[in-house]
Structures are given as C-alpha cells and as structure tokens.
Amino acid sequence: MRKVLLITGGSDGIGASTAYLASKQDFIVCINYLQNHDSANKIVNDINSQGGQAFAFQADVSNEG
C-alpha cells in the first residue's frame, strides 16, 4: 500500500519542493493551496507526467469551517 502525503501550502517554495521529493519516494501527493491554483496544478501535472500520482485541493486550513 502506497503512503499518502498531504502538503499544506504546497503550491510553492518549501511545500512544492517537498511535493516533488515525496513523489520520487513513491508517495501519493496531495497539494493543498489557498489561492495559487495555477502553480498547484503545474506541480500536479509535473508529478503525474513523471509517473507519480498527485492531486490538488483548494482549502483554507486556517478555517475549520
């Protein structure tokens, strides 16, 4: 069974780097973003095109509702 990693703030910076590294370690990567839809989708597309598995989810993790 593959492991799943949820990365909050994964659409740029350290989060994006973590997403790429995790995908190379065979994690299924879930990228959470608040506003940067284009960047999150680029990372997802990059990972998926390299044989990994990634998804992007827009949510404000600072707001429980």
PDB file of N, CA and C in Angstrom:
ATOM      1  N   MET A   1       0.838  -1.166   0.000  1.00  0.00           N
ATOM      2  CA  MET A   1       0.000   0.000   0.000  1.00  0.00           C
ATOM      3  C   MET A   1       0.895   1.245   0.000  1.00  0.00           C
ATOM      4  N   ARG A   2       0.606   2.166  -0.919  1.00  0.00           N
ATOM      5  CA  ARG A   2       1.386   3.405  -1.004  1.00  0.00           C
ATOM      6  C   ARG A   2       0.960   4.384   0.074  1.00  0.00           C
ATOM      7  N   LYS A   3       1.898   5.184   0.515  1.00  0.00           N
ATOM      8  CA  LYS A   3       1.625   6.212   1.512  1.00  0.00           C
ATOM      9  C   LYS A   3       1.137   7.475   0.820  1.00  0.00           C
ATOM     10  N   VAL A   4       0.290   8.223   1.530  1.00  0.00           N
ATOM     11  CA  VAL A   4      -0.249   9.482   1.036  1.00  0.00           C
ATOM     12  C   VAL A   4       0.300  10.608   1.898  1.00  0.00           C
ATOM     13  N   LEU A   5       0.735  11.678   1.248  1.00  0.00           N
ATOM     14  CA  LEU A   5       1.258  12.833   1.958  1.00  0.00           C
ATOM     15  C   LEU A   5       0.430  14.062   1.584  1.00  0.00           C
ATOM     16  N   LEU A   6      -0.133  14.725   2.590  1.00  0.00           N
ATOM     17  CA  LEU A   6      -0.853  15.978   2.390  1.00  0.00           C
ATOM     18  C   LEU A   6       0.091  17.118   2.739  1.00  0.00           C
ATOM     19  N   ILE A   7       0.295  18.014   1.788  1.00  0.00           N
ATOM     20  CA  ILE A   7       1.202  19.141   1.986  1.00  0.00           C
ATOM     21  C   ILE A   7       0.383  20.423   1.958  1.00  0.00           C
ATOM     22  N   THR A   8       0.273  21.077   3.114  1.00  0.00           N
ATOM     23  CA  THR A   8      -0.416  22.363   3.150  1.00  0.00           C
ATOM     24  C   THR A   8       0.543  23.432   2.660  1.00  0.00           C
ATOM     25  N   GLY A   9       0.024  24.346   1.863  1.00  0.00           N
ATOM     26  CA  GLY A   9       0.898  25.361   1.270  1.00  0.00           C
ATOM     27  C   GLY A   9       1.845  24.752   0.256  1.00  0.00           C
ATOM     28  N   GLY A  10       1.368  23.765  -0.470  1.00  0.00           N
ATOM     29  CA  GLY A  10       2.231  23.020  -1.369  1.00  0.00           C
ATOM     30  C   GLY A  10       2.386  23.586  -2.762  1.00  0.00           C
ATOM     31  N   SER A  11       1.844  24.766  -3.021  1.00  0.00           N
ATOM     32  CA  SER A  11       1.893  25.282  -4.389  1.00  0.00           C
ATOM     33  C   SER A  11       3.155  26.068  -4.708  1.00  0.00           C
ATOM     34  N   ASP A  12       4.020  26.298  -3.715  1.00  0.00           N
ATOM     35  CA  ASP A  12       5.282  26.984  -3.999  1.00  0.00           C
ATOM     36  C   ASP A  12       6.277  26.766  -2.857  1.00  0.00           C
ATOM     37  N   GLY A  13       7.475  27.234  -3.049  1.00  0.00           N
ATOM     38  CA  GLY A  13       8.502  27.206  -2.020  1.00  0.00           C
ATOM     39  C   GLY A  13       8.826  25.822  -1.477  1.00  0.00           C
ATOM     40  N   ILE A  14       8.956  25.755  -0.159  1.00  0.00           N
ATOM     41  CA  ILE A  14       9.316  24.505   0.506  1.00  0.00           C
ATOM     42  C   ILE A  14       8.262  23.439   0.263  1.00  0.00           C
ATOM     43  N   GLY A  15       6.994  23.827   0.253  1.00  0.00           N
ATOM     44  CA  GLY A  15       5.919  22.861   0.015  1.00  0.00           C
ATOM     45  C   GLY A  15       6.023  22.211  -1.353  1.00  0.00           C
ATOM     46  N   ALA A  16       6.311  22.999  -2.375  1.00  0.00           N
ATOM     47  CA  ALA A  16       6.456  22.461  -3.726  1.00  0.00           C
ATOM     48  C   ALA A  16       7.661  21.525  -3.806  1.00  0.00           C
ATOM     49  N   SER A  17       8.768  21.934  -3.208  1.00  0.00           N
ATOM     50  CA  SER A  17       9.960  21.078  -3.200  1.00  0.00           C
ATOM     51  C   SER A  17       9.681  19.763  -2.487  1.00  0.00           C
ATOM     52  N   THR A  18       8.946  19.830  -1.385  1.00  0.00           N
ATOM     53  CA  THR A  18       8.576  18.627  -0.647  1.00  0.00           C
ATOM     54  C   THR A  18       7.704  17.717  -1.501  1.00  0.00           C
ATOM     55  N   ALA A  19       6.791  18.303  -2.259  1.00  0.00           N
ATOM     56  CA  ALA A  19       5.911  17.515  -3.129  1.00  0.00           C
ATOM     57  C   ALA A  19       6.724  16.735  -4.163  1.00  0.00           C
ATOM     58  N   TYR A  20       7.665  17.410  -4.804  1.00  0.00           N
ATOM     59  CA  TYR A  20       8.489  16.735  -5.808  1.00  0.00           C
ATOM     60  C   TYR A  20       9.334  15.618  -5.180  1.00  0.00           C
ATOM     61  N   LEU A  21       9.939  15.896  -4.033  1.00  0.00           N
ATOM     62  CA  LEU A  21      10.762  14.883  -3.366  1.00  0.00           C
ATOM     63  C   LEU A  21       9.920  13.695  -2.909  1.00  0.00           C
ATOM     64  N   ALA A  22       8.744  13.959  -2.367  1.00  0.00           N
ATOM     65  CA  ALA A  22       7.874  12.879  -1.898  1.00  0.00           C
ATOM     66  C   ALA A  22       7.417  11.997  -3.052  1.00  0.00           C
ATOM     67  N   SER A  23       7.138  12.612  -4.192  1.00  0.00           N
ATOM     68  CA  SER A  23       6.693  11.808  -5.339  1.00  0.00           C
ATOM     69  C   SER A  23       7.804  10.873  -5.811  1.00  0.00           C
ATOM     70  N   LYS A  24       9.034  11.308  -5.693  1.00  0.00           N
ATOM     71  CA  LYS A  24      10.162  10.453  -6.081  1.00  0.00           C
ATOM     72  C   LYS A  24      10.377   9.312  -5.084  1.00  0.00           C
ATOM     73  N   GLN A  25       9.794   9.448  -3.887  1.00  0.00           N
ATOM     74  CA  GLN A  25       9.866   8.400  -2.866  1.00  0.00           C
ATOM     75  C   GLN A  25       8.594   7.545  -2.889  1.00  0.00           C
ATOM     76  N   ASP A  26       7.812   7.645  -3.962  1.00  0.00           N
ATOM     77  CA  ASP A  26       6.609   6.846  -4.210  1.00  0.00           C
ATOM     78  C   ASP A  26       5.419   7.182  -3.311  1.00  0.00           C
ATOM     79  N   PHE A  27       5.371   8.410  -2.793  1.00  0.00           N
ATOM     80  CA  PHE A  27       4.187   8.871  -2.072  1.00  0.00           C
ATOM     81  C   PHE A  27       3.145   9.353  -3.081  1.00  0.00           C
ATOM     82  N   ILE A  28       1.882   9.164  -2.757  1.00  0.00           N
ATOM     83  CA  ILE A  28       0.806   9.864  -3.449  1.00  0.00           C
ATOM     84  C   ILE A  28       0.755  11.237  -2.797  1.00  0.00           C
ATOM     85  N   VAL A  29       0.849  12.287  -3.583  1.00  0.00           N
ATOM     86  CA  VAL A  29       0.980  13.640  -3.056  1.00  0.00           C
ATOM     87  C   VAL A  29      -0.334  14.409  -3.223  1.00  0.00           C
ATOM     88  N   CYS A  30      -0.808  14.981  -2.116  1.00  0.00           N
ATOM     89  CA  CYS A  30      -1.983  15.844  -2.127  1.00  0.00           C
ATOM     90  C   CYS A  30      -1.524  17.248  -1.777  1.00  0.00           C
ATOM     91  N   ILE A  31      -1.667  18.152  -2.715  1.00  0.00           N
ATOM     92  CA  ILE A  31      -1.214  19.523  -2.524  1.00  0.00           C
ATOM     93  C   ILE A  31      -2.409  20.386  -2.153  1.00  0.00           C
ATOM     94  N   ASN A  32      -2.315  20.995  -0.981  1.00  0.00           N
ATOM     95  CA  ASN A  32      -3.333  21.936  -0.533  1.00  0.00           C
ATOM     96  C   ASN A  32      -2.852  23.340  -0.869  1.00  0.00           C
ATOM     97  N   TYR A  33      -3.751  24.148  -1.404  1.00  0.00           N
ATOM     98  CA  TYR A  33      -3.414  25.541  -1.705  1.00  0.00           C
ATOM     99  C   TYR A  33      -4.619  26.408  -1.383  1.00  0.00           C
ATOM    100  N   LEU A  34      -4.378  27.678  -1.163  1.00  0.00           N
ATOM    101  CA  LEU A  34      -5.473  28.604  -0.893  1.00  0.00           C
ATOM    102  C   LEU A  34      -5.820  29.409  -2.137  1.00  0.00           C
ATOM    103  N   GLN A  35      -4.810  30.016  -2.783  1.00  0.00           N
ATOM    104  CA  GLN A  35      -5.090  30.909  -3.911  1.00  0.00           C
ATOM    105  C   GLN A  35      -4.351  30.563  -5.189  1.00  0.00           C
ATOM    106  N   ASN A  36      -3.218  29.927  -5.105  1.00  0.00           N
ATOM    107  CA  ASN A  36      -2.358  29.751  -6.269  1.00  0.00           C
ATOM    108  C   ASN A  36      -2.709  28.487  -7.065  1.00  0.00           C
ATOM    109  N   HIS A  37      -3.886  28.513  -7.671  1.00  0.00           N
ATOM    110  CA  HIS A  37      -4.416  27.382  -8.441  1.00  0.00           C
ATOM    111  C   HIS A  37      -3.470  26.964  -9.570  1.00  0.00           C
ATOM    112  N   ASP A  38      -2.972  27.924 -10.329  1.00  0.00           N
ATOM    113  CA  ASP A  38      -2.129  27.608 -11.480  1.00  0.00           C
ATOM    114  C   ASP A  38      -0.842  26.893 -11.064  1.00  0.00           C
ATOM    115  N   SER A  39      -0.209  27.377 -10.020  1.00  0.00           N
ATOM    116  CA  SER A  39       1.026  26.763  -9.555  1.00  0.00           C
ATOM    117  C   SER A  39       0.778  25.360  -9.011  1.00  0.00           C
ATOM    118  N   ALA A  40      -0.288  25.192  -8.232  1.00  0.00           N
ATOM    119  CA  ALA A  40      -0.621  23.869  -7.692  1.00  0.00           C
ATOM    120  C   ALA A  40      -0.870  22.877  -8.824  1.00  0.00           C
ATOM    121  N   ASN A  41      -1.616  23.290  -9.829  1.00  0.00           N
ATOM    122  CA  ASN A  41      -1.902  22.394 -10.953  1.00  0.00           C
ATOM    123  C   ASN A  41      -0.659  22.088 -11.780  1.00  0.00           C
ATOM    124  N   LYS A  42       0.265  23.046 -11.888  1.00  0.00           N
ATOM    125  CA  LYS A  42       1.512  22.783 -12.605  1.00  0.00           C
ATOM    126  C   LYS A  42       2.305  21.690 -11.893  1.00  0.00           C
ATOM    127  N   ILE A  43       2.393  21.778 -10.577  1.00  0.00           N
ATOM    128  CA  ILE A  43       3.130  20.772  -9.809  1.00  0.00           C
ATOM    129  C   ILE A  43       2.467  19.412  -9.956  1.00  0.00           C
ATOM    130  N   VAL A  44       1.149  19.378  -9.855  1.00  0.00           N
ATOM    131  CA  VAL A  44       0.410  18.121 -10.026  1.00  0.00           C
ATOM    132  C   VAL A  44       0.676  17.536 -11.413  1.00  0.00           C
ATOM    133  N   ASN A  45       0.593  18.356 -12.436  1.00  0.00           N
ATOM    134  CA  ASN A  45       0.834  17.880 -13.802  1.00  0.00           C
ATOM    135  C   ASN A  45       2.264  17.389 -13.980  1.00  0.00           C
ATOM    136  N   ASP A  46       3.229  18.103 -13.408  1.00  0.00           N
ATOM    137  CA  ASP A  46       4.633  17.676 -13.485  1.00  0.00           C
ATOM    138  C   ASP A  46       4.817  16.299 -12.850  1.00  0.00           C
ATOM    139  N   ILE A  47       4.284  16.136 -11.651  1.00  0.00           N
ATOM    140  CA  ILE A  47       4.434  14.867 -10.935  1.00  0.00           C
ATOM    141  C   ILE A  47       3.752  13.741 -11.693  1.00  0.00           C
ATOM    142  N   ASN A  48       2.534  13.985 -12.147  1.00  0.00           N
ATOM    143  CA  ASN A  48       1.798  12.944 -12.869  1.00  0.00           C
ATOM    144  C   ASN A  48       2.461  12.578 -14.194  1.00  0.00           C
ATOM    145  N   SER A  49       3.052  13.561 -14.866  1.00  0.00           N
ATOM    146  CA  SER A  49       3.706  13.277 -16.150  1.00  0.00           C
ATOM    147  C   SER A  49       5.009  12.501 -15.970  1.00  0.00           C
ATOM    148  N   GLN A  50       5.561  12.539 -14.755  1.00  0.00           N
ATOM    149  CA  GLN A  50       6.790  11.796 -14.459  1.00  0.00           C
ATOM    150  C   GLN A  50       6.489  10.430 -13.854  1.00  0.00           C
ATOM    151  N   GLY A  51       5.227  10.018 -13.904  1.00  0.00           N
ATOM    152  CA  GLY A  51       4.849   8.697 -13.416  1.00  0.00           C
ATOM    153  C   GLY A  51       4.397   8.649 -11.976  1.00  0.00           C
ATOM    154  N   GLY A  52       4.371   9.803 -11.310  1.00  0.00           N
ATOM    155  CA  GLY A  52       3.883   9.850  -9.936  1.00  0.00           C
ATOM    156  C   GLY A  52       2.378  10.018  -9.911  1.00  0.00           C
ATOM    157  N   GLN A  53       1.863  10.219  -8.728  1.00  0.00           N
ATOM    158  CA  GLN A  53       0.427  10.443  -8.567  1.00  0.00           C
ATOM    159  C   GLN A  53       0.234  11.613  -7.617  1.00  0.00           C
ATOM    160  N   ALA A  54      -0.452  12.657  -8.092  1.00  0.00           N
ATOM    161  CA  ALA A  54      -0.647  13.864  -7.289  1.00  0.00           C
ATOM    162  C   ALA A  54      -2.016  14.469  -7.572  1.00  0.00           C
ATOM    163  N   PHE A  55      -2.508  15.181  -6.577  1.00  0.00           N
ATOM    164  CA  PHE A  55      -3.802  15.853  -6.653  1.00  0.00           C
ATOM    165  C   PHE A  55      -3.670  17.210  -5.978  1.00  0.00           C
ATOM    166  N   ALA A  56      -4.506  18.166  -6.376  1.00  0.00           N
ATOM    167  CA  ALA A  56      -4.526  19.485  -5.749  1.00  0.00           C
ATOM    168  C   ALA A  56      -5.909  19.734  -5.154  1.00  0.00           C
ATOM    169  N   PHE A  57      -5.926  20.338  -3.961  1.00  0.00           N
ATOM    170  CA  PHE A  57      -7.168  20.642  -3.273  1.00  0.00           C
ATOM    171  C   PHE A  57      -7.101  22.056  -2.721  1.00  0.00           C
ATOM    172  N   GLN A  58      -8.090  22.868  -3.081  1.00  0.00           N
ATOM    173  CA  GLN A  58      -8.139  24.221  -2.567  1.00  0.00           C
ATOM    174  C   GLN A  58      -8.910  24.230  -1.253  1.00  0.00           C
ATOM    175  N   ALA A  59      -8.268  24.754  -0.202  1.00  0.00           N
ATOM    176  CA  ALA A  59      -8.919  24.870   1.095  1.00  0.00           C
ATOM    177  C   ALA A  59      -8.133  25.814   1.978  1.00  0.00           C
ATOM    178  N   ASP A  60      -8.833  26.483   2.856  1.00  0.00           N
ATOM    179  CA  ASP A  60      -8.195  27.351   3.849  1.00  0.00           C
ATOM    180  C   ASP A  60      -8.058  26.539   5.132  1.00  0.00           C
ATOM    181  N   VAL A  61      -6.888  25.990   5.383  1.00  0.00           N
ATOM    182  CA  VAL A  61      -6.694  25.116   6.551  1.00  0.00           C
ATOM    183  C   VAL A  61      -6.682  25.907   7.857  1.00  0.00           C
ATOM    184  N   SER A  62      -6.660  27.230   7.778  1.00  0.00           N
ATOM    185  CA  SER A  62      -6.727  28.037   8.999  1.00  0.00           C
ATOM    186  C   SER A  62      -8.176  28.249   9.452  1.00  0.00           C
ATOM    187  N   ASN A  63      -9.129  27.817   8.610  1.00  0.00           N
ATOM    188  CA  ASN A  63     -10.552  27.982   8.913  1.00  0.00           C
ATOM    189  C   ASN A  63     -11.202  26.601   8.990  1.00  0.00           C
ATOM    190  N   GLU A  64     -11.580  26.171  10.184  1.00  0.00           N
ATOM    191  CA  GLU A  64     -12.143  24.846  10.374  1.00  0.00           C
ATOM    192  C   GLU A  64     -13.411  24.618   9.561  1.00  0.00           C
ATOM    193  N   GLY A  65     -14.191  25.654   9.356  1.00  0.00           N
ATOM    194  CA  GLY A  65     -15.443  25.532   8.612  1.00  0.00           C
ATOM    195  C   GLY A  65     -15.202  25.292   7.162  1.00  0.00           C
TER     196      GLY A  65
END
